[in-house]
Amino acid sequence: MTILQSVRCLNTAELVPAVPLVTIVEHQRRDHMCGNTGIEVKPGQTVKCQPRAYFLLHISQAVLVESEAECEVGKRTLYVKVGSSGQQIAIGVLSADKFPQVQLDLRFEQNFELSHTCKTASVFFSGYEVYESRY
């Protein structure tokens, strides 16, 4: 695949001269390197996540979302459970009035579950997929 063809794939109006520098495989990998993703974990629920084959799922942020009417006083703990170990690991703490979001740097290549202790509000986790080149 040429650069000209890859630019057309990206829906860019500007045309670049056709120089065979980028292969189709490299172009597809680059498309998946920044595949943003997000998930809502509702109160009392556990969400199971499964990264795609040959990809790592990177969780980069968690945000507590609640209205003033639902606002609970105190801290809410975020948990992750990886694989079939059965053990929950605390990954962060959120508070509606002091710290409603937390930056994370978690990478998963196997199944995991997300949960939290808030009784009235959802927590949104966001991140992205990264192609794992070692495969």
C-alpha atoms as a PDB file:
ATOM      1  CA  MET A   1       0.000   0.000   0.000  1.00  0.00           C
ATOM      2  CA  THR A   2       1.261   3.465  -0.751  1.00  0.00           C
ATOM      3  CA  ILE A   3       1.048   6.666   1.263  1.00  0.00           C
ATOM      4  CA  LEU A   4      -1.492   7.979  -1.263  1.00  0.00           C
ATOM      5  CA  GLN A   5      -3.770   5.030  -0.569  1.00  0.00           C
ATOM      6  CA  SER A   6      -3.336   5.303   3.202  1.00  0.00           C
ATOM      7  CA  VAL A   7      -4.239   9.000   3.140  1.00  0.00           C
ATOM      8  CA  ARG A   8      -7.451   8.160   1.292  1.00  0.00           C
ATOM      9  CA  CYS A   9      -8.232   5.560   3.969  1.00  0.00           C
ATOM     10  CA  LEU A  10      -8.016   8.322   6.573  1.00  0.00           C
ATOM     11  CA  ASN A  11     -10.517  10.481   4.623  1.00  0.00           C
ATOM     12  CA  THR A  12      -8.041  13.302   4.133  1.00  0.00           C
ATOM     13  CA  ALA A  13      -8.770  15.700   1.281  1.00  0.00           C
ATOM     14  CA  GLU A  14      -5.091  16.498   0.774  1.00  0.00           C
ATOM     15  CA  LEU A  15      -3.351  14.122  -1.628  1.00  0.00           C
ATOM     16  CA  VAL A  16       0.190  12.987  -0.993  1.00  0.00           C
ATOM     17  CA  PRO A  17       2.426  11.634  -3.788  1.00  0.00           C
ATOM     18  CA  ALA A  18       2.330   7.854  -4.040  1.00  0.00           C
ATOM     19  CA  VAL A  19       5.548   6.612  -2.457  1.00  0.00           C
ATOM     20  CA  PRO A  20       5.586   2.952  -1.368  1.00  0.00           C
ATOM     21  CA  LEU A  21       6.802   3.524   2.211  1.00  0.00           C
ATOM     22  CA  VAL A  22       3.882   2.289   4.302  1.00  0.00           C
ATOM     23  CA  THR A  23       2.636  -1.278   4.045  1.00  0.00           C
ATOM     24  CA  ILE A  24      -0.985  -2.253   4.637  1.00  0.00           C
ATOM     25  CA  VAL A  25      -0.001  -4.159   7.800  1.00  0.00           C
ATOM     26  CA  GLU A  26       1.748  -1.117   9.293  1.00  0.00           C
ATOM     27  CA  HIS A  27      -1.243   1.059   8.406  1.00  0.00           C
ATOM     28  CA  GLN A  28      -3.681  -1.309  10.097  1.00  0.00           C
ATOM     29  CA  ARG A  29      -1.525  -1.441  13.222  1.00  0.00           C
ATOM     30  CA  ARG A  30      -1.357   2.334  13.378  1.00  0.00           C
ATOM     31  CA  ASP A  31      -5.161   2.517  13.128  1.00  0.00           C
ATOM     32  CA  HIS A  32      -5.509   0.260  16.180  1.00  0.00           C
ATOM     33  CA  MET A  33      -2.834   1.915  18.285  1.00  0.00           C
ATOM     34  CA  CYS A  34      -5.151   4.746  19.293  1.00  0.00           C
ATOM     35  CA  GLY A  35      -8.469   2.936  19.478  1.00  0.00           C
ATOM     36  CA  ASN A  36     -10.119   4.810  22.347  1.00  0.00           C
ATOM     37  CA  THR A  37     -12.562   2.938  24.509  1.00  0.00           C
ATOM     38  CA  GLY A  38     -14.682   3.555  27.572  1.00  0.00           C
ATOM     39  CA  ILE A  39     -17.065   1.711  29.828  1.00  0.00           C
ATOM     40  CA  GLU A  40     -19.638   2.645  32.463  1.00  0.00           C
ATOM     41  CA  VAL A  41     -19.759   0.661  35.687  1.00  0.00           C
ATOM     42  CA  LYS A  42     -23.138   1.251  37.313  1.00  0.00           C
ATOM     43  CA  PRO A  43     -23.720   1.123  41.089  1.00  0.00           C
ATOM     44  CA  GLY A  44     -23.609  -2.405  42.469  1.00  0.00           C
ATOM     45  CA  GLN A  45     -22.446  -3.924  39.179  1.00  0.00           C
ATOM     46  CA  THR A  46     -19.265  -5.645  38.092  1.00  0.00           C
ATOM     47  CA  VAL A  47     -18.255  -5.307  34.457  1.00  0.00           C
ATOM     48  CA  LYS A  48     -16.239  -8.075  32.817  1.00  0.00           C
ATOM     49  CA  CYS A  49     -13.745  -6.953  30.161  1.00  0.00           C
ATOM     50  CA  GLN A  50     -11.924  -9.079  27.617  1.00  0.00           C
ATOM     51  CA  PRO A  51      -9.081  -7.563  25.546  1.00  0.00           C
ATOM     52  CA  ARG A  52      -9.008  -8.617  21.904  1.00  0.00           C
ATOM     53  CA  ALA A  53      -6.366 -11.070  20.702  1.00  0.00           C
ATOM     54  CA  TYR A  54      -2.985  -9.427  20.047  1.00  0.00           C
ATOM     55  CA  PHE A  55      -4.011  -6.234  21.888  1.00  0.00           C
ATOM     56  CA  LEU A  56      -3.401  -4.722  25.308  1.00  0.00           C
ATOM     57  CA  LEU A  57      -6.189  -2.732  26.911  1.00  0.00           C
ATOM     58  CA  HIS A  58      -4.816   0.337  28.662  1.00  0.00           C
ATOM     59  CA  ILE A  59      -7.071   1.949  31.310  1.00  0.00           C
ATOM     60  CA  SER A  60      -5.966   5.568  31.762  1.00  0.00           C
ATOM     61  CA  GLN A  61      -8.713   7.332  33.741  1.00  0.00           C
ATOM     62  CA  ALA A  62     -11.716   6.785  36.025  1.00  0.00           C
ATOM     63  CA  VAL A  63     -14.382   9.441  36.633  1.00  0.00           C
ATOM     64  CA  LEU A  64     -17.154   9.492  39.236  1.00  0.00           C
ATOM     65  CA  VAL A  65     -20.392  10.765  37.694  1.00  0.00           C
ATOM     66  CA  GLU A  66     -23.170  11.794  40.050  1.00  0.00           C
ATOM     67  CA  SER A  67     -25.572  14.703  40.349  1.00  0.00           C
ATOM     68  CA  GLU A  68     -25.797  16.919  43.428  1.00  0.00           C
ATOM     69  CA  ALA A  69     -29.028  15.150  44.458  1.00  0.00           C
ATOM     70  CA  GLU A  70     -27.247  11.782  44.438  1.00  0.00           C
ATOM     71  CA  CYS A  71     -24.022  13.003  46.000  1.00  0.00           C
ATOM     72  CA  GLU A  72     -22.730  10.655  48.699  1.00  0.00           C
ATOM     73  CA  VAL A  73     -20.378  11.919  51.357  1.00  0.00           C
ATOM     74  CA  GLY A  74     -17.071  10.084  51.575  1.00  0.00           C
ATOM     75  CA  LYS A  75     -14.638   8.201  49.443  1.00  0.00           C
ATOM     76  CA  ARG A  76     -15.431   5.516  46.876  1.00  0.00           C
ATOM     77  CA  THR A  77     -12.938   2.773  46.122  1.00  0.00           C
ATOM     78  CA  LEU A  78     -12.305   1.359  42.636  1.00  0.00           C
ATOM     79  CA  TYR A  79     -11.441  -2.320  42.236  1.00  0.00           C
ATOM     80  CA  VAL A  80     -10.075  -4.609  39.559  1.00  0.00           C
ATOM     81  CA  LYS A  81      -9.980  -8.410  39.541  1.00  0.00           C
ATOM     82  CA  VAL A  82      -7.646  -9.991  36.993  1.00  0.00           C
ATOM     83  CA  GLY A  83      -8.080 -13.498  35.640  1.00  0.00           C
ATOM     84  CA  SER A  84      -9.663 -16.186  37.765  1.00  0.00           C
ATOM     85  CA  SER A  85      -7.712 -15.398  40.958  1.00  0.00           C
ATOM     86  CA  GLY A  86     -10.855 -14.169  42.734  1.00  0.00           C
ATOM     87  CA  GLN A  87      -8.956 -11.422  44.563  1.00  0.00           C
ATOM     88  CA  GLN A  88     -10.055  -7.798  44.140  1.00  0.00           C
ATOM     89  CA  ILE A  89      -7.291  -5.189  44.079  1.00  0.00           C
ATOM     90  CA  ALA A  90      -7.959  -1.529  44.955  1.00  0.00           C
ATOM     91  CA  ILE A  91      -6.785   0.704  42.087  1.00  0.00           C
ATOM     92  CA  GLY A  92      -7.993   4.132  43.206  1.00  0.00           C
ATOM     93  CA  VAL A  93     -10.242   6.267  45.395  1.00  0.00           C
ATOM     94  CA  LEU A  94     -12.784   8.850  44.207  1.00  0.00           C
ATOM     95  CA  SER A  95     -14.742  11.544  46.051  1.00  0.00           C
ATOM     96  CA  ALA A  96     -17.451  13.739  44.502  1.00  0.00           C
ATOM     97  CA  ASP A  97     -16.345  16.904  46.287  1.00  0.00           C
ATOM     98  CA  LYS A  98     -12.532  16.534  46.389  1.00  0.00           C
ATOM     99  CA  PHE A  99     -11.262  14.216  43.649  1.00  0.00           C
ATOM    100  CA  PRO A 100     -13.967  13.046  41.207  1.00  0.00           C
ATOM    101  CA  GLN A 101     -11.419  11.606  38.781  1.00  0.00           C
ATOM    102  CA  VAL A 102      -8.173   9.671  38.970  1.00  0.00           C
ATOM    103  CA  GLN A 103      -5.442   9.048  36.418  1.00  0.00           C
ATOM    104  CA  LEU A 104      -4.516   5.390  35.998  1.00  0.00           C
ATOM    105  CA  ASP A 105      -1.833   3.516  34.108  1.00  0.00           C
ATOM    106  CA  LEU A 106      -3.095  -0.067  33.919  1.00  0.00           C
ATOM    107  CA  ARG A 107      -2.481  -2.485  31.051  1.00  0.00           C
ATOM    108  CA  PHE A 108      -4.329  -5.764  30.626  1.00  0.00           C
ATOM    109  CA  GLU A 109      -3.735  -8.617  28.222  1.00  0.00           C
ATOM    110  CA  GLN A 110      -6.153 -11.043  29.895  1.00  0.00           C
ATOM    111  CA  ASN A 111      -9.728 -10.919  31.156  1.00  0.00           C
ATOM    112  CA  PHE A 112     -10.468  -8.624  34.091  1.00  0.00           C
ATOM    113  CA  GLU A 113     -13.424  -7.196  36.033  1.00  0.00           C
ATOM    114  CA  LEU A 114     -14.073  -3.595  37.150  1.00  0.00           C
ATOM    115  CA  SER A 115     -16.221  -2.593  40.145  1.00  0.00           C
ATOM    116  CA  HIS A 116     -16.595   0.189  42.732  1.00  0.00           C
ATOM    117  CA  THR A 117     -18.202   0.891  46.131  1.00  0.00           C
ATOM    118  CA  CYS A 118     -20.444   3.854  45.207  1.00  0.00           C
ATOM    119  CA  LYS A 119     -24.124   3.119  45.888  1.00  0.00           C
ATOM    120  CA  THR A 120     -25.766   5.889  43.818  1.00  0.00           C
ATOM    121  CA  ALA A 121     -23.387   6.913  41.022  1.00  0.00           C
ATOM    122  CA  SER A 122     -21.670   5.387  38.030  1.00  0.00           C
ATOM    123  CA  VAL A 123     -17.950   5.343  37.370  1.00  0.00           C
ATOM    124  CA  PHE A 124     -16.708   5.770  33.811  1.00  0.00           C
ATOM    125  CA  PHE A 125     -13.399   4.139  32.896  1.00  0.00           C
ATOM    126  CA  SER A 126     -11.625   5.306  29.757  1.00  0.00           C
ATOM    127  CA  GLY A 127      -8.562   4.123  27.899  1.00  0.00           C
ATOM    128  CA  TYR A 128      -7.355   2.729  24.620  1.00  0.00           C
ATOM    129  CA  GLU A 129      -6.219  -0.440  22.871  1.00  0.00           C
ATOM    130  CA  VAL A 130      -2.619  -0.973  21.829  1.00  0.00           C
ATOM    131  CA  TYR A 131      -1.456  -3.545  19.295  1.00  0.00           C
ATOM    132  CA  GLU A 132       1.009  -5.865  21.016  1.00  0.00           C
ATOM    133  CA  SER A 133       3.879  -6.269  18.561  1.00  0.00           C
ATOM    134  CA  ARG A 134       5.522  -9.205  20.365  1.00  0.00           C
ATOM    135  CA  TYR A 135       2.948 -11.662  18.930  1.00  0.00           C
END
